[in-house]
Amino acid sequence: MAEVPASHPQWVLDARRATGDRIRVRRLHLNLTQEGLAHTAGVDRSTLQRMEAGAEMKLSHLLLVSSALRVHVTDLLHG
């Protein structure tokens, strides 16, 4: 199993933060609460909160959230 680096490069942290921002902007555009989006996506609200905050996120969670937001996952990754 591959080791996880102790810290990620700044560009990775910036990309995660930007992805979280795009999730939040799209959620608000659809007039959804975090609770509502989390329920629709099938993830915990705390998971969605961490995603919007730019924390490390699982690809499966990102795919579920992008589907619930009715956008392609690449729209959340690249804007």
PDB file of N, CA and C in Angstrom:
ATOM      1  N   MET A   1       0.843  -1.184   0.000  1.00  0.00           N
ATOM      2  CA  MET A   1       0.000   0.000   0.000  1.00  0.00           C
ATOM      3  C   MET A   1       0.886   1.244   0.000  1.00  0.00           C
ATOM      4  N   ALA A   2       0.541   2.234  -0.803  1.00  0.00           N
ATOM      5  CA  ALA A   2       1.333   3.448  -0.921  1.00  0.00           C
ATOM      6  C   ALA A   2       1.189   4.321   0.323  1.00  0.00           C
ATOM      7  N   GLU A   3       2.286   4.959   0.703  1.00  0.00           N
ATOM      8  CA  GLU A   3       2.245   5.871   1.841  1.00  0.00           C
ATOM      9  C   GLU A   3       1.625   7.198   1.440  1.00  0.00           C
ATOM     10  N   VAL A   4       0.884   7.777   2.355  1.00  0.00           N
ATOM     11  CA  VAL A   4       0.293   9.097   2.143  1.00  0.00           C
ATOM     12  C   VAL A   4       1.300  10.135   2.604  1.00  0.00           C
ATOM     13  N   PRO A   5       1.578  11.144   1.783  1.00  0.00           N
ATOM     14  CA  PRO A   5       2.544  12.161   2.205  1.00  0.00           C
ATOM     15  C   PRO A   5       2.067  12.895   3.457  1.00  0.00           C
ATOM     16  N   ALA A   6       3.021  13.287   4.292  1.00  0.00           N
ATOM     17  CA  ALA A   6       2.687  13.987   5.536  1.00  0.00           C
ATOM     18  C   ALA A   6       1.931  15.279   5.256  1.00  0.00           C
ATOM     19  N   SER A   7       2.341  15.983   4.220  1.00  0.00           N
ATOM     20  CA  SER A   7       1.622  17.204   3.830  1.00  0.00           C
ATOM     21  C   SER A   7       1.608  17.285   2.314  1.00  0.00           C
ATOM     22  N   HIS A   8       0.576  17.877   1.810  1.00  0.00           N
ATOM     23  CA  HIS A   8       0.426  18.003   0.370  1.00  0.00           C
ATOM     24  C   HIS A   8       0.996  19.334  -0.099  1.00  0.00           C
ATOM     25  N   PRO A   9       1.389  19.406  -1.377  1.00  0.00           N
ATOM     26  CA  PRO A   9       1.849  20.686  -1.917  1.00  0.00           C
ATOM     27  C   PRO A   9       0.724  21.726  -1.866  1.00  0.00           C
ATOM     28  N   GLN A  10       1.109  22.978  -1.842  1.00  0.00           N
ATOM     29  CA  GLN A  10       0.129  24.060  -1.729  1.00  0.00           C
ATOM     30  C   GLN A  10      -0.905  24.016  -2.852  1.00  0.00           C
ATOM     31  N   TRP A  11      -0.493  23.643  -4.066  1.00  0.00           N
ATOM     32  CA  TRP A  11      -1.445  23.629  -5.184  1.00  0.00           C
ATOM     33  C   TRP A  11      -2.551  22.597  -4.950  1.00  0.00           C
ATOM     34  N   VAL A  12      -2.246  21.513  -4.236  1.00  0.00           N
ATOM     35  CA  VAL A  12      -3.269  20.512  -3.926  1.00  0.00           C
ATOM     36  C   VAL A  12      -4.261  21.095  -2.926  1.00  0.00           C
ATOM     37  N   LEU A  13      -3.743  21.757  -1.899  1.00  0.00           N
ATOM     38  CA  LEU A  13      -4.618  22.380  -0.902  1.00  0.00           C
ATOM     39  C   LEU A  13      -5.488  23.454  -1.547  1.00  0.00           C
ATOM     40  N   ASP A  14      -4.907  24.244  -2.440  1.00  0.00           N
ATOM     41  CA  ASP A  14      -5.668  25.290  -3.142  1.00  0.00           C
ATOM     42  C   ASP A  14      -6.758  24.684  -4.018  1.00  0.00           C
ATOM     43  N   ALA A  15      -6.441  23.585  -4.706  1.00  0.00           N
ATOM     44  CA  ALA A  15      -7.425  22.931  -5.582  1.00  0.00           C
ATOM     45  C   ALA A  15      -8.582  22.353  -4.771  1.00  0.00           C
ATOM     46  N   ARG A  16      -8.268  21.770  -3.614  1.00  0.00           N
ATOM     47  CA  ARG A  16      -9.339  21.247  -2.753  1.00  0.00           C
ATOM     48  C   ARG A  16     -10.229  22.372  -2.253  1.00  0.00           C
ATOM     49  N   ARG A  17      -9.617  23.485  -1.863  1.00  0.00           N
ATOM     50  CA  ARG A  17     -10.393  24.635  -1.374  1.00  0.00           C
ATOM     51  C   ARG A  17     -11.296  25.176  -2.491  1.00  0.00           C
ATOM     52  N   ALA A  18     -10.752  25.269  -3.702  1.00  0.00           N
ATOM     53  CA  ALA A  18     -11.533  25.766  -4.840  1.00  0.00           C
ATOM     54  C   ALA A  18     -12.686  24.819  -5.169  1.00  0.00           C
ATOM     55  N   THR A  19     -12.448  23.519  -5.073  1.00  0.00           N
ATOM     56  CA  THR A  19     -13.510  22.540  -5.311  1.00  0.00           C
ATOM     57  C   THR A  19     -14.609  22.699  -4.272  1.00  0.00           C
ATOM     58  N   GLY A  20     -14.230  22.857  -3.019  1.00  0.00           N
ATOM     59  CA  GLY A  20     -15.214  23.083  -1.955  1.00  0.00           C
ATOM     60  C   GLY A  20     -16.022  24.349  -2.184  1.00  0.00           C
ATOM     61  N   ASP A  21     -15.348  25.394  -2.648  1.00  0.00           N
ATOM     62  CA  ASP A  21     -16.048  26.647  -2.953  1.00  0.00           C
ATOM     63  C   ASP A  21     -17.061  26.452  -4.073  1.00  0.00           C
ATOM     64  N   ARG A  22     -16.679  25.692  -5.109  1.00  0.00           N
ATOM     65  CA  ARG A  22     -17.608  25.452  -6.223  1.00  0.00           C
ATOM     66  C   ARG A  22     -18.807  24.617  -5.771  1.00  0.00           C
ATOM     67  N   ILE A  23     -18.584  23.671  -4.878  1.00  0.00           N
ATOM     68  CA  ILE A  23     -19.703  22.890  -4.329  1.00  0.00           C
ATOM     69  C   ILE A  23     -20.665  23.826  -3.605  1.00  0.00           C
ATOM     70  N   ARG A  24     -20.135  24.676  -2.733  1.00  0.00           N
ATOM     71  CA  ARG A  24     -20.972  25.602  -1.959  1.00  0.00           C
ATOM     72  C   ARG A  24     -21.728  26.565  -2.867  1.00  0.00           C
ATOM     73  N   VAL A  25     -21.058  27.146  -3.856  1.00  0.00           N
ATOM     74  CA  VAL A  25     -21.709  28.091  -4.768  1.00  0.00           C
ATOM     75  C   VAL A  25     -22.854  27.413  -5.521  1.00  0.00           C
ATOM     76  N   ARG A  26     -22.615  26.210  -6.019  1.00  0.00           N
ATOM     77  CA  ARG A  26     -23.661  25.487  -6.751  1.00  0.00           C
ATOM     78  C   ARG A  26     -24.822  25.125  -5.815  1.00  0.00           C
ATOM     79  N   ARG A  27     -24.495  24.703  -4.589  1.00  0.00           N
ATOM     80  CA  ARG A  27     -25.542  24.365  -3.620  1.00  0.00           C
ATOM     81  C   ARG A  27     -26.421  25.575  -3.334  1.00  0.00           C
ATOM     82  N   LEU A  28     -25.793  26.714  -3.116  1.00  0.00           N
ATOM     83  CA  LEU A  28     -26.561  27.928  -2.836  1.00  0.00           C
ATOM     84  C   LEU A  28     -27.355  28.376  -4.055  1.00  0.00           C
ATOM     85  N   HIS A  29     -26.781  28.212  -5.260  1.00  0.00           N
ATOM     86  CA  HIS A  29     -27.493  28.546  -6.504  1.00  0.00           C
ATOM     87  C   HIS A  29     -28.779  27.730  -6.628  1.00  0.00           C
ATOM     88  N   LEU A  30     -28.727  26.483  -6.153  1.00  0.00           N
ATOM     89  CA  LEU A  30     -29.906  25.615  -6.200  1.00  0.00           C
ATOM     90  C   LEU A  30     -30.796  25.788  -4.971  1.00  0.00           C
ATOM     91  N   ASN A  31     -30.426  26.743  -4.105  1.00  0.00           N
ATOM     92  CA  ASN A  31     -31.188  27.038  -2.894  1.00  0.00           C
ATOM     93  C   ASN A  31     -31.320  25.807  -1.990  1.00  0.00           C
ATOM     94  N   LEU A  32     -30.213  25.088  -1.853  1.00  0.00           N
ATOM     95  CA  LEU A  32     -30.185  23.903  -1.000  1.00  0.00           C
ATOM     96  C   LEU A  32     -29.406  24.201   0.278  1.00  0.00           C
ATOM     97  N   THR A  33     -29.853  23.627   1.377  1.00  0.00           N
ATOM     98  CA  THR A  33     -29.083  23.674   2.615  1.00  0.00           C
ATOM     99  C   THR A  33     -28.031  22.556   2.558  1.00  0.00           C
ATOM    100  N   GLN A  34     -27.059  22.624   3.451  1.00  0.00           N
ATOM    101  CA  GLN A  34     -26.100  21.518   3.532  1.00  0.00           C
ATOM    102  C   GLN A  34     -26.834  20.223   3.863  1.00  0.00           C
ATOM    103  N   GLU A  35     -27.780  20.300   4.767  1.00  0.00           N
ATOM    104  CA  GLU A  35     -28.547  19.110   5.152  1.00  0.00           C
ATOM    105  C   GLU A  35     -29.307  18.536   3.952  1.00  0.00           C
ATOM    106  N   GLY A  36     -29.931  19.414   3.175  1.00  0.00           N
ATOM    107  CA  GLY A  36     -30.693  18.964   2.011  1.00  0.00           C
ATOM    108  C   GLY A  36     -29.815  18.321   0.955  1.00  0.00           C
ATOM    109  N   LEU A  37     -28.679  18.946   0.671  1.00  0.00           N
ATOM    110  CA  LEU A  37     -27.769  18.375  -0.325  1.00  0.00           C
ATOM    111  C   LEU A  37     -27.188  17.063   0.172  1.00  0.00           C
ATOM    112  N   ALA A  38     -26.806  17.030   1.434  1.00  0.00           N
ATOM    113  CA  ALA A  38     -26.242  15.798   1.989  1.00  0.00           C
ATOM    114  C   ALA A  38     -27.251  14.652   1.882  1.00  0.00           C
ATOM    115  N   HIS A  39     -28.504  14.936   2.213  1.00  0.00           N
ATOM    116  CA  HIS A  39     -29.550  13.912   2.130  1.00  0.00           C
ATOM    117  C   HIS A  39     -29.714  13.428   0.685  1.00  0.00           C
ATOM    118  N   THR A  40     -29.802  14.372  -0.245  1.00  0.00           N
ATOM    119  CA  THR A  40     -29.980  14.016  -1.655  1.00  0.00           C
ATOM    120  C   THR A  40     -28.791  13.218  -2.185  1.00  0.00           C
ATOM    121  N   ALA A  41     -27.591  13.599  -1.763  1.00  0.00           N
ATOM    122  CA  ALA A  41     -26.373  12.935  -2.240  1.00  0.00           C
ATOM    123  C   ALA A  41     -26.125  11.603  -1.535  1.00  0.00           C
ATOM    124  N   GLY A  42     -26.736  11.415  -0.362  1.00  0.00           N
ATOM    125  CA  GLY A  42     -26.513  10.190   0.381  1.00  0.00           C
ATOM    126  C   GLY A  42     -25.216  10.189   1.180  1.00  0.00           C
ATOM    127  N   VAL A  43     -24.811  11.381   1.626  1.00  0.00           N
ATOM    128  CA  VAL A  43     -23.627  11.506   2.478  1.00  0.00           C
ATOM    129  C   VAL A  43     -24.025  12.193   3.776  1.00  0.00           C
ATOM    130  N   ASP A  44     -23.178  12.080   4.774  1.00  0.00           N
ATOM    131  CA  ASP A  44     -23.434  12.774   6.036  1.00  0.00           C
ATOM    132  C   ASP A  44     -23.234  14.275   5.857  1.00  0.00           C
ATOM    133  N   ARG A  45     -23.981  15.044   6.635  1.00  0.00           N
ATOM    134  CA  ARG A  45     -23.821  16.497   6.586  1.00  0.00           C
ATOM    135  C   ARG A  45     -22.392  16.885   6.955  1.00  0.00           C
ATOM    136  N   SER A  46     -21.803  16.198   7.922  1.00  0.00           N
ATOM    137  CA  SER A  46     -20.425  16.501   8.322  1.00  0.00           C
ATOM    138  C   SER A  46     -19.445  16.254   7.174  1.00  0.00           C
ATOM    139  N   THR A  47     -19.728  15.250   6.348  1.00  0.00           N
ATOM    140  CA  THR A  47     -18.898  14.989   5.174  1.00  0.00           C
ATOM    141  C   THR A  47     -18.997  16.157   4.210  1.00  0.00           C
ATOM    142  N   LEU A  48     -20.206  16.631   3.962  1.00  0.00           N
ATOM    143  CA  LEU A  48     -20.402  17.762   3.062  1.00  0.00           C
ATOM    144  C   LEU A  48     -19.737  19.017   3.623  1.00  0.00           C
ATOM    145  N   GLN A  49     -19.839  19.232   4.922  1.00  0.00           N
ATOM    146  CA  GLN A  49     -19.187  20.384   5.548  1.00  0.00           C
ATOM    147  C   GLN A  49     -17.684  20.339   5.314  1.00  0.00           C
ATOM    148  N   ARG A  50     -17.085  19.169   5.496  1.00  0.00           N
ATOM    149  CA  ARG A  50     -15.642  19.029   5.274  1.00  0.00           C
ATOM    150  C   ARG A  50     -15.287  19.263   3.810  1.00  0.00           C
ATOM    151  N   MET A  51     -16.115  18.771   2.906  1.00  0.00           N
ATOM    152  CA  MET A  51     -15.857  18.964   1.477  1.00  0.00           C
ATOM    153  C   MET A  51     -15.877  20.453   1.142  1.00  0.00           C
ATOM    154  N   GLU A  52     -16.899  21.154   1.614  1.00  0.00           N
ATOM    155  CA  GLU A  52     -17.006  22.588   1.329  1.00  0.00           C
ATOM    156  C   GLU A  52     -15.862  23.374   1.967  1.00  0.00           C
ATOM    157  N   ALA A  53     -15.309  22.848   3.049  1.00  0.00           N
ATOM    158  CA  ALA A  53     -14.189  23.511   3.725  1.00  0.00           C
ATOM    159  C   ALA A  53     -12.854  23.222   3.039  1.00  0.00           C
ATOM    160  N   GLY A  54     -12.864  22.329   2.050  1.00  0.00           N
ATOM    161  CA  GLY A  54     -11.641  22.028   1.320  1.00  0.00           C
ATOM    162  C   GLY A  54     -10.809  20.920   1.931  1.00  0.00           C
ATOM    163  N   ALA A  55     -11.419  20.133   2.809  1.00  0.00           N
ATOM    164  CA  ALA A  55     -10.699  18.997   3.393  1.00  0.00           C
ATOM    165  C   ALA A  55     -10.553  17.893   2.345  1.00  0.00           C
ATOM    166  N   GLU A  56      -9.701  16.936   2.655  1.00  0.00           N
ATOM    167  CA  GLU A  56      -9.530  15.807   1.760  1.00  0.00           C
ATOM    168  C   GLU A  56     -10.867  15.098   1.596  1.00  0.00           C
ATOM    169  N   MET A  57     -11.190  14.722   0.363  1.00  0.00           N
ATOM    170  CA  MET A  57     -12.489  14.107   0.104  1.00  0.00           C
ATOM    171  C   MET A  57     -12.332  12.859  -0.741  1.00  0.00           C
ATOM    172  N   LYS A  58     -13.206  11.901  -0.489  1.00  0.00           N
ATOM    173  CA  LYS A  58     -13.211  10.677  -1.271  1.00  0.00           C
ATOM    174  C   LYS A  58     -13.825  10.953  -2.642  1.00  0.00           C
ATOM    175  N   LEU A  59     -13.302  10.273  -3.637  1.00  0.00           N
ATOM    176  CA  LEU A  59     -13.849  10.404  -4.980  1.00  0.00           C
ATOM    177  C   LEU A  59     -15.314   9.980  -5.001  1.00  0.00           C
ATOM    178  N   SER A  60     -15.660   8.933  -4.274  1.00  0.00           N
ATOM    179  CA  SER A  60     -17.057   8.475  -4.267  1.00  0.00           C
ATOM    180  C   SER A  60     -17.981   9.560  -3.726  1.00  0.00           C
ATOM    181  N   HIS A  61     -17.552  10.290  -2.696  1.00  0.00           N
ATOM    182  CA  HIS A  61     -18.373  11.379  -2.160  1.00  0.00           C
ATOM    183  C   HIS A  61     -18.491  12.512  -3.170  1.00  0.00           C
ATOM    184  N   LEU A  62     -17.388  12.826  -3.836  1.00  0.00           N
ATOM    185  CA  LEU A  62     -17.415  13.885  -4.839  1.00  0.00           C
ATOM    186  C   LEU A  62     -18.362  13.523  -5.987  1.00  0.00           C
ATOM    187  N   LEU A  63     -18.359  12.275  -6.396  1.00  0.00           N
ATOM    188  CA  LEU A  63     -19.260  11.832  -7.467  1.00  0.00           C
ATOM    189  C   LEU A  63     -20.722  11.904  -7.026  1.00  0.00           C
ATOM    190  N   LEU A  64     -21.004  11.495  -5.803  1.00  0.00           N
ATOM    191  CA  LEU A  64     -22.376  11.560  -5.286  1.00  0.00           C
ATOM    192  C   LEU A  64     -22.864  13.003  -5.200  1.00  0.00           C
ATOM    193  N   VAL A  65     -22.013  13.888  -4.698  1.00  0.00           N
ATOM    194  CA  VAL A  65     -22.390  15.301  -4.566  1.00  0.00           C
ATOM    195  C   VAL A  65     -22.567  15.945  -5.932  1.00  0.00           C
ATOM    196  N   SER A  66     -21.669  15.664  -6.874  1.00  0.00           N
ATOM    197  CA  SER A  66     -21.807  16.262  -8.207  1.00  0.00           C
ATOM    198  C   SER A  66     -23.101  15.800  -8.872  1.00  0.00           C
ATOM    199  N   SER A  67     -23.469  14.554  -8.687  1.00  0.00           N
ATOM    200  CA  SER A  67     -24.728  14.058  -9.244  1.00  0.00           C
ATOM    201  C   SER A  67     -25.918  14.769  -8.616  1.00  0.00           C
ATOM    202  N   ALA A  68     -25.884  14.928  -7.297  1.00  0.00           N
ATOM    203  CA  ALA A  68     -26.980  15.619  -6.595  1.00  0.00           C
ATOM    204  C   ALA A  68     -27.070  17.086  -7.010  1.00  0.00           C
ATOM    205  N   LEU A  69     -25.920  17.679  -7.356  1.00  0.00           N
ATOM    206  CA  LEU A  69     -25.907  19.081  -7.811  1.00  0.00           C
ATOM    207  C   LEU A  69     -26.215  19.207  -9.303  1.00  0.00           C
ATOM    208  N   ARG A  70     -26.356  18.056  -9.971  1.00  0.00           N
ATOM    209  CA  ARG A  70     -26.663  18.009 -11.405  1.00  0.00           C
ATOM    210  C   ARG A  70     -25.589  18.697 -12.240  1.00  0.00           C
ATOM    211  N   VAL A  71     -24.330  18.422 -11.880  1.00  0.00           N
ATOM    212  CA  VAL A  71     -23.192  18.899 -12.670  1.00  0.00           C
ATOM    213  C   VAL A  71     -22.224  17.747 -12.840  1.00  0.00           C
ATOM    214  N   HIS A  72     -21.411  17.822 -13.878  1.00  0.00           N
ATOM    215  CA  HIS A  72     -20.380  16.809 -14.078  1.00  0.00           C
ATOM    216  C   HIS A  72     -19.273  17.039 -13.058  1.00  0.00           C
ATOM    217  N   VAL A  73     -18.700  15.973 -12.570  1.00  0.00           N
ATOM    218  CA  VAL A  73     -17.670  16.090 -11.542  1.00  0.00           C
ATOM    219  C   VAL A  73     -16.526  17.003 -11.975  1.00  0.00           C
ATOM    220  N   THR A  74     -16.217  17.024 -13.265  1.00  0.00           N
ATOM    221  CA  THR A  74     -15.121  17.885 -13.723  1.00  0.00           C
ATOM    222  C   THR A  74     -15.467  19.361 -13.572  1.00  0.00           C
ATOM    223  N   ASP A  75     -16.756  19.699 -13.582  1.00  0.00           N
ATOM    224  CA  ASP A  75     -17.149  21.100 -13.356  1.00  0.00           C
ATOM    225  C   ASP A  75     -16.798  21.526 -11.934  1.00  0.00           C
ATOM    226  N   LEU A  76     -16.846  20.601 -11.000  1.00  0.00           N
ATOM    227  CA  LEU A  76     -16.488  20.921  -9.623  1.00  0.00           C
ATOM    228  C   LEU A  76     -14.970  20.949  -9.445  1.00  0.00           C
ATOM    229  N   LEU A  77     -14.282  20.127 -10.200  1.00  0.00           N
ATOM    230  CA  LEU A  77     -12.824  20.053 -10.083  1.00  0.00           C
ATOM    231  C   LEU A  77     -12.118  21.214 -10.790  1.00  0.00           C
ATOM    232  N   HIS A  78     -12.667  21.627 -11.923  1.00  0.00           N
ATOM    233  CA  HIS A  78     -11.974  22.619 -12.747  1.00  0.00           C
ATOM    234  C   HIS A  78     -12.702  23.951 -12.869  1.00  0.00           C
ATOM    235  N   GLY A  79     -13.939  23.978 -12.483  1.00  0.00           N
ATOM    236  CA  GLY A  79     -14.699  25.231 -12.540  1.00  0.00           C
ATOM    237  C   GLY A  79     -15.105  25.648 -13.855  1.00  0.00           C
TER     238      GLY A  79
END
